[in-house]
Amino acid sequence: MTVAPRYNVYTGEPEGGDTPAAARLGLEPPRFCAECARRMIVQVRPDGWSARCSRHGALDSKDLEKR
């Protein structure tokens, strides 16, 4: 069984690289899909953000807060 590679959602590079300072502070929404590294469509709202990958669907900041 092969484990699929994961990607940095802020840079699109393989996981394990540097995360930009603004992202570490929570000021930057994800720009790349963690599963395929494709650029996502991102909508920033006053209460958070939403992002959509053409292959893997939507992700919303409100969903992440509930965890």
N, C-alpha and C. Protein backbone atom coordinates (compact mmCIF):
# COMPACT_ATOMS: atom_id res chain seq x y z
N MET A 1 0.84 -1.18 0.00
CA MET A 1 0.00 0.00 0.00
C MET A 1 0.88 1.25 0.00
N THR A 2 0.65 2.14 -0.93
CA THR A 2 1.44 3.35 -1.06
C THR A 2 0.70 4.52 -0.43
N VAL A 3 1.41 5.32 0.34
CA VAL A 3 0.83 6.50 0.96
C VAL A 3 0.94 7.66 -0.03
N ALA A 4 -0.18 8.33 -0.27
CA ALA A 4 -0.19 9.47 -1.19
C ALA A 4 0.62 10.63 -0.59
N PRO A 5 1.38 11.33 -1.41
CA PRO A 5 2.15 12.46 -0.89
C PRO A 5 1.22 13.58 -0.45
N ARG A 6 1.62 14.32 0.56
CA ARG A 6 0.86 15.49 1.03
C ARG A 6 1.66 16.73 0.65
N TYR A 7 0.94 17.82 0.44
CA TYR A 7 1.57 19.06 0.00
C TYR A 7 1.26 20.19 0.96
N ASN A 8 2.17 21.16 1.01
CA ASN A 8 1.99 22.34 1.84
C ASN A 8 0.88 23.18 1.21
N VAL A 9 -0.16 23.50 1.98
CA VAL A 9 -1.31 24.22 1.44
C VAL A 9 -1.02 25.70 1.16
N TYR A 10 0.12 26.20 1.61
CA TYR A 10 0.47 27.60 1.39
C TYR A 10 1.46 27.78 0.24
N THR A 11 2.26 26.75 -0.05
CA THR A 11 3.28 26.88 -1.09
C THR A 11 3.10 25.90 -2.25
N GLY A 12 2.39 24.79 -2.04
CA GLY A 12 2.21 23.78 -3.07
C GLY A 12 3.38 22.82 -3.18
N GLU A 13 4.39 22.98 -2.35
CA GLU A 13 5.56 22.09 -2.37
C GLU A 13 5.29 20.88 -1.49
N PRO A 14 6.05 19.81 -1.64
CA PRO A 14 5.86 18.63 -0.77
C PRO A 14 5.91 19.04 0.70
N GLU A 15 5.06 18.42 1.51
CA GLU A 15 4.96 18.75 2.92
C GLU A 15 6.31 18.62 3.62
N GLY A 16 6.54 19.49 4.58
CA GLY A 16 7.78 19.46 5.32
C GLY A 16 8.63 20.69 5.08
N GLY A 17 8.27 21.51 4.10
CA GLY A 17 9.02 22.73 3.82
C GLY A 17 8.61 23.85 4.76
N ASP A 18 9.14 25.03 4.50
CA ASP A 18 8.84 26.20 5.33
C ASP A 18 7.41 26.69 5.07
N THR A 19 6.78 27.16 6.13
CA THR A 19 5.47 27.78 6.03
C THR A 19 5.67 29.28 6.16
N PRO A 20 5.07 30.09 5.26
CA PRO A 20 5.24 31.54 5.35
C PRO A 20 4.80 32.08 6.71
N ALA A 21 5.44 33.16 7.14
CA ALA A 21 5.16 33.75 8.46
C ALA A 21 3.70 34.15 8.60
N ALA A 22 3.10 34.75 7.58
CA ALA A 22 1.70 35.17 7.65
C ALA A 22 0.78 33.97 7.86
N ALA A 23 1.11 32.85 7.26
CA ALA A 23 0.30 31.63 7.43
C ALA A 23 0.45 31.09 8.85
N ARG A 24 1.65 31.14 9.39
CA ARG A 24 1.86 30.67 10.77
C ARG A 24 1.06 31.50 11.77
N LEU A 25 0.86 32.77 11.45
CA LEU A 25 0.10 33.66 12.33
C LEU A 25 -1.41 33.54 12.10
N GLY A 26 -1.82 32.76 11.11
CA GLY A 26 -3.23 32.58 10.82
C GLY A 26 -3.83 33.69 9.97
N LEU A 27 -2.98 34.45 9.30
CA LEU A 27 -3.45 35.58 8.50
C LEU A 27 -3.63 35.23 7.02
N GLU A 28 -3.22 34.08 6.61
CA GLU A 28 -3.24 33.69 5.20
C GLU A 28 -4.08 32.42 5.01
N PRO A 29 -5.04 32.42 4.09
CA PRO A 29 -5.79 31.19 3.82
C PRO A 29 -4.96 30.24 2.97
N PRO A 30 -5.30 28.96 2.95
CA PRO A 30 -4.57 28.02 2.11
C PRO A 30 -4.78 28.36 0.64
N ARG A 31 -3.78 28.16 -0.18
CA ARG A 31 -3.86 28.47 -1.61
C ARG A 31 -3.74 27.23 -2.49
N PHE A 32 -3.20 26.14 -1.94
CA PHE A 32 -2.99 24.92 -2.72
C PHE A 32 -3.65 23.73 -2.02
N CYS A 33 -4.12 22.77 -2.80
CA CYS A 33 -4.74 21.56 -2.26
C CYS A 33 -3.67 20.68 -1.62
N ALA A 34 -3.95 20.17 -0.42
CA ALA A 34 -2.99 19.32 0.30
C ALA A 34 -2.86 17.94 -0.36
N GLU A 35 -3.85 17.52 -1.14
CA GLU A 35 -3.83 16.20 -1.75
C GLU A 35 -3.18 16.17 -3.13
N CYS A 36 -3.32 17.27 -3.91
CA CYS A 36 -2.79 17.22 -5.29
C CYS A 36 -1.93 18.43 -5.66
N ALA A 37 -1.81 19.42 -4.79
CA ALA A 37 -1.01 20.63 -4.98
C ALA A 37 -1.54 21.54 -6.08
N ARG A 38 -2.79 21.33 -6.52
CA ARG A 38 -3.39 22.24 -7.49
C ARG A 38 -3.76 23.54 -6.79
N ARG A 39 -3.70 24.62 -7.54
CA ARG A 39 -4.10 25.92 -7.02
C ARG A 39 -5.61 25.90 -6.77
N MET A 40 -6.04 26.37 -5.60
CA MET A 40 -7.47 26.37 -5.27
C MET A 40 -8.07 27.76 -5.50
N ILE A 41 -9.39 27.77 -5.69
CA ILE A 41 -10.14 29.02 -5.77
C ILE A 41 -10.44 29.41 -4.33
N VAL A 42 -9.98 30.59 -3.91
CA VAL A 42 -10.11 31.02 -2.51
C VAL A 42 -10.97 32.27 -2.44
N GLN A 43 -11.92 32.26 -1.52
CA GLN A 43 -12.76 33.42 -1.26
C GLN A 43 -12.56 33.83 0.20
N VAL A 44 -12.09 35.05 0.41
CA VAL A 44 -11.87 35.55 1.76
C VAL A 44 -13.11 36.36 2.16
N ARG A 45 -13.64 36.04 3.35
CA ARG A 45 -14.82 36.72 3.88
C ARG A 45 -14.44 37.41 5.18
N PRO A 46 -15.28 38.32 5.66
CA PRO A 46 -14.98 38.97 6.96
C PRO A 46 -14.89 37.97 8.12
N ASP A 47 -15.64 36.86 8.02
CA ASP A 47 -15.64 35.88 9.12
C ASP A 47 -14.77 34.66 8.85
N GLY A 48 -13.96 34.67 7.81
CA GLY A 48 -13.09 33.54 7.50
C GLY A 48 -12.79 33.42 6.01
N TRP A 49 -12.71 32.19 5.52
CA TRP A 49 -12.41 31.95 4.11
C TRP A 49 -13.01 30.62 3.67
N SER A 50 -13.12 30.46 2.35
CA SER A 50 -13.50 29.17 1.78
C SER A 50 -12.58 28.92 0.59
N ALA A 51 -12.26 27.67 0.37
CA ALA A 51 -11.36 27.30 -0.73
C ALA A 51 -11.92 26.06 -1.42
N ARG A 52 -11.73 25.99 -2.75
CA ARG A 52 -12.27 24.86 -3.50
C ARG A 52 -11.23 24.35 -4.49
N CYS A 53 -10.97 23.04 -4.41
CA CYS A 53 -10.10 22.35 -5.35
C CYS A 53 -10.99 21.74 -6.43
N SER A 54 -10.59 21.83 -7.67
CA SER A 54 -11.40 21.29 -8.76
C SER A 54 -11.50 19.76 -8.71
N ARG A 55 -10.59 19.12 -8.01
CA ARG A 55 -10.59 17.65 -7.91
C ARG A 55 -11.09 17.12 -6.57
N HIS A 56 -10.84 17.86 -5.48
CA HIS A 56 -11.10 17.31 -4.15
C HIS A 56 -12.16 18.05 -3.34
N GLY A 57 -12.79 19.05 -3.92
CA GLY A 57 -13.92 19.70 -3.25
C GLY A 57 -13.56 20.90 -2.40
N ALA A 58 -14.50 21.25 -1.53
CA ALA A 58 -14.43 22.50 -0.77
C ALA A 58 -13.89 22.31 0.64
N LEU A 59 -13.33 23.39 1.16
CA LEU A 59 -12.82 23.46 2.52
C LEU A 59 -13.19 24.85 3.04
N ASP A 60 -13.67 24.92 4.28
CA ASP A 60 -14.10 26.19 4.84
C ASP A 60 -13.46 26.39 6.21
N SER A 61 -13.08 27.60 6.52
CA SER A 61 -12.45 27.88 7.81
C SER A 61 -13.39 27.57 8.97
N LYS A 62 -14.69 27.72 8.78
CA LYS A 62 -15.65 27.40 9.84
C LYS A 62 -15.63 25.92 10.18
N ASP A 63 -15.42 25.07 9.17
CA ASP A 63 -15.34 23.63 9.41
C ASP A 63 -14.13 23.27 10.25
N LEU A 64 -13.04 23.97 10.06
CA LEU A 64 -11.80 23.69 10.80
C LEU A 64 -11.91 24.14 12.26
N GLU A 65 -12.69 25.17 12.53
CA GLU A 65 -12.84 25.69 13.88
C GLU A 65 -13.60 24.72 14.78
N LYS A 66 -14.46 23.89 14.21
CA LYS A 66 -15.29 22.97 14.99
C LYS A 66 -14.52 21.80 15.54
N ARG A 67 -13.33 21.55 15.07
CA ARG A 67 -12.53 20.40 15.49
C ARG A 67 -11.94 20.59 16.85
